C-alpha atoms as a PDB file:
ATOM      1  CA  MET A   1     275.080  52.602 122.947  1.00  0.00           C
ATOM      2  CA  ARG A   2     272.386  52.832 120.307  1.00  0.00           C
ATOM      3  CA  ILE A   3     272.982  54.852 117.154  1.00  0.00           C
ATOM      4  CA  ARG A   4     270.053  57.049 116.329  1.00  0.00           C
ATOM      5  CA  SER A   5     268.963  57.603 112.793  1.00  0.00           C
ATOM      6  CA  PRO A   6     269.553  61.165 111.628  1.00  0.00           C
ATOM      7  CA  LYS A   7     266.536  63.422 111.696  1.00  0.00           C
ATOM      8  CA  THR A   8     265.661  65.001 108.386  1.00  0.00           C
ATOM      9  CA  ASP A   9     262.873  67.184 107.170  1.00  0.00           C
ATOM     10  CA  LEU A  10     262.808  65.317 103.854  1.00  0.00           C
ATOM     11  CA  ALA A  11     260.102  62.748 103.232  1.00  0.00           C
ATOM     12  CA  ASP A  12     260.960  59.442 101.585  1.00  0.00           C
ATOM     13  CA  ALA A  13     259.268  60.663  98.402  1.00  0.00           C
ATOM     14  CA  ASP A  14     261.542  63.723  98.372  1.00  0.00           C
ATOM     15  CA  ILE A  15     264.636  61.551  98.683  1.00  0.00           C
ATOM     16  CA  GLU A  16     263.380  59.330  95.856  1.00  0.00           C
ATOM     17  CA  THR A  17     262.839  62.432  93.719  1.00  0.00           C
ATOM     18  CA  ILE A  18     266.416  63.573  94.373  1.00  0.00           C
ATOM     19  CA  ALA A  19     267.733  60.124  93.434  1.00  0.00           C
ATOM     20  CA  LEU A  20     265.619  59.853  90.255  1.00  0.00           C
ATOM     21  CA  ILE A  21     266.597  63.255  88.917  1.00  0.00           C
ATOM     22  CA  SER A  22     270.235  62.878  89.980  1.00  0.00           C
ATOM     23  CA  ASP A  23     270.367  59.608  88.062  1.00  0.00           C
ATOM     24  CA  ALA A  24     268.898  61.282  84.972  1.00  0.00           C
ATOM     25  CA  MET A  25     271.426  64.106  85.140  1.00  0.00           C
ATOM     26  CA  ALA A  26     274.384  61.838  85.909  1.00  0.00           C
ATOM     27  CA  HIS A  27     275.366  61.441  82.254  1.00  0.00           C
ATOM     28  CA  PRO A  28     277.109  64.271  80.370  1.00  0.00           C
ATOM     29  CA  VAL A  29     275.115  63.618  77.186  1.00  0.00           C
ATOM     30  CA  ARG A  30     271.812  63.892  79.053  1.00  0.00           C
ATOM     31  CA  LEU A  31     272.942  67.153  80.636  1.00  0.00           C
ATOM     32  CA  ALA A  32     273.851  68.526  77.208  1.00  0.00           C
ATOM     33  CA  LEU A  33     270.528  67.383  75.714  1.00  0.00           C
ATOM     34  CA  PHE A  34     268.530  68.880  78.587  1.00  0.00           C
ATOM     35  CA  ARG A  35     270.422  72.164  78.361  1.00  0.00           C
ATOM     36  CA  TYR A  36     269.858  72.306  74.594  1.00  0.00           C
ATOM     37  CA  VAL A  37     266.117  71.722  75.028  1.00  0.00           C
ATOM     38  CA  MET A  38     265.978  74.468  77.684  1.00  0.00           C
ATOM     39  CA  GLN A  39     267.783  76.900  75.370  1.00  0.00           C
ATOM     40  CA  CYS A  40     265.478  76.073  72.460  1.00  0.00           C
ATOM     41  CA  ASN A  41     262.404  76.430  74.685  1.00  0.00           C
ATOM     42  CA  LYS A  42     263.656  79.844  75.792  1.00  0.00           C
ATOM     43  CA  THR A  43     263.680  81.026  72.169  1.00  0.00           C
ATOM     44  CA  MET A  44     260.373  79.249  71.469  1.00  0.00           C
ATOM     45  CA  THR A  45     262.086  76.877  69.015  1.00  0.00           C
ATOM     46  CA  PRO A  46     260.460  73.427  68.847  1.00  0.00           C
ATOM     47  CA  VAL A  47     262.799  70.469  69.404  1.00  0.00           C
ATOM     48  CA  CYS A  48     262.286  66.882  68.223  1.00  0.00           C
ATOM     49  CA  ASN A  49     264.573  63.846  67.840  1.00  0.00           C
ATOM     50  CA  LYS A  50     265.724  64.748  64.340  1.00  0.00           C
ATOM     51  CA  ASP A  51     266.854  68.161  65.611  1.00  0.00           C
ATOM     52  CA  LEU A  52     268.827  66.526  68.428  1.00  0.00           C
ATOM     53  CA  VAL A  53     270.416  63.995  66.055  1.00  0.00           C
ATOM     54  CA  ALA A  54     271.479  66.840  63.752  1.00  0.00           C
ATOM     55  CA  GLU A  55     272.823  68.948  66.626  1.00  0.00           C
ATOM     56  CA  PHE A  56     274.698  66.249  68.547  1.00  0.00           C
ATOM     57  CA  GLY A  57     275.557  63.660  65.898  1.00  0.00           C
ATOM     58  CA  TYR A  58     274.421  60.641  67.918  1.00  0.00           C
ATOM     59  CA  SER A  59     272.165  57.976  66.453  1.00  0.00           C
ATOM     60  CA  GLN A  60     268.421  58.365  66.813  1.00  0.00           C
ATOM     61  CA  SER A  61     268.240  55.356  69.138  1.00  0.00           C
ATOM     62  CA  THR A  62     270.945  56.775  71.426  1.00  0.00           C
ATOM     63  CA  ILE A  63     269.152  60.124  71.614  1.00  0.00           C
ATOM     64  CA  SER A  64     265.852  58.358  72.326  1.00  0.00           C
ATOM     65  CA  GLN A  65     267.331  56.329  75.185  1.00  0.00           C
ATOM     66  CA  HIS A  66     268.771  59.415  76.827  1.00  0.00           C
ATOM     67  CA  MET A  67     265.588  61.418  76.309  1.00  0.00           C
ATOM     68  CA  ASP A  68     263.492  58.607  77.819  1.00  0.00           C
ATOM     69  CA  LYS A  69     265.555  58.819  81.005  1.00  0.00           C
ATOM     70  CA  LEU A  70     264.946  62.578  81.176  1.00  0.00           C
ATOM     71  CA  ILE A  71     261.213  62.096  80.548  1.00  0.00           C
ATOM     72  CA  ILE A  72     260.901  59.442  83.273  1.00  0.00           C
ATOM     73  CA  SER A  73     262.603  61.807  85.728  1.00  0.00           C
ATOM     74  CA  GLY A  74     260.071  64.514  84.885  1.00  0.00           C
ATOM     75  CA  LEU A  75     262.690  66.958  83.614  1.00  0.00           C
ATOM     76  CA  LEU A  76     261.217  66.772  80.114  1.00  0.00           C
ATOM     77  CA  GLU A  77     257.670  66.648  78.844  1.00  0.00           C
ATOM     78  CA  THR A  78     256.590  65.603  75.380  1.00  0.00           C
ATOM     79  CA  LYS A  79     253.926  66.576  72.908  1.00  0.00           C
ATOM     80  CA  LYS A  80     253.075  64.419  69.881  1.00  0.00           C
ATOM     81  CA  GLU A  81     252.329  66.200  66.609  1.00  0.00           C
ATOM     82  CA  LYS A  82     251.804  63.968  63.599  1.00  0.00           C
ATOM     83  CA  LYS A  83     254.845  61.686  63.439  1.00  0.00           C
ATOM     84  CA  TYR A  84     257.108  63.858  65.608  1.00  0.00           C
ATOM     85  CA  THR A  85     257.516  64.070  69.368  1.00  0.00           C
ATOM     86  CA  TYR A  86     258.508  67.500  70.631  1.00  0.00           C
ATOM     87  CA  TYR A  87     260.352  68.029  73.900  1.00  0.00           C
ATOM     88  CA  TYR A  88     259.787  70.705  76.505  1.00  0.00           C
ATOM     89  CA  ALA A  89     261.860  71.332  79.627  1.00  0.00           C
ATOM     90  CA  ASN A  90     259.904  71.168  82.872  1.00  0.00           C
ATOM     91  CA  ILE A  91     261.579  73.981  84.794  1.00  0.00           C
ATOM     92  CA  GLY A  92     259.276  73.394  87.777  1.00  0.00           C
ATOM     93  CA  VAL A  93     260.749  69.920  88.298  1.00  0.00           C
ATOM     94  CA  LEU A  94     264.271  71.300  87.948  1.00  0.00           C
ATOM     95  CA  MET A  95     263.581  73.998  90.556  1.00  0.00           C
ATOM     96  CA  ARG A  96     262.024  71.436  92.911  1.00  0.00           C
ATOM     97  CA  TYR A  97     265.135  69.285  92.533  1.00  0.00           C
ATOM     98  CA  ILE A  98     267.395  72.233  93.350  1.00  0.00           C
ATOM     99  CA  THR A  99     265.302  73.089  96.415  1.00  0.00           C
ATOM    100  CA  LEU A 100     265.294  69.490  97.661  1.00  0.00           C
ATOM    101  CA  ALA A 101     269.025  69.108  97.029  1.00  0.00           C
ATOM    102  CA  LYS A 102     269.688  72.224  99.109  1.00  0.00           C
ATOM    103  CA  ARG A 103     267.548  70.876 101.949  1.00  0.00           C
ATOM    104  CA  PHE A 104     269.284  67.504 101.668  1.00  0.00           C
ATOM    105  CA  SER A 105     272.734  69.005 101.967  1.00  0.00           C
ATOM    106  CA  VAL A 106     271.967  70.949 105.135  1.00  0.00           C
ATOM    107  CA  VAL A 107     273.274  69.006 108.095  1.00  0.00           C
END
């Protein structure tokens, strides 16, 4: 008897997107950083590394490593102004992730 592969309405790219964003959100510090950026964006407060270091107490290099992972996933976008990099939450990517995760979980 041959086992058939399960049929899914998700494309390979969608599954890769789920994996990439899940990996980015798999660390509690990254979740806290992302949530903080979202809250600051909501109040129109700019956020850069020095703000995150002051808020969370981690070293600048630790913050940068975590933020890079969030940027690569697409959850955060950046804007350079002089010597500072400001972070902005990409809510569209977050909503796409939620939608894909719901479709993924339907069996």
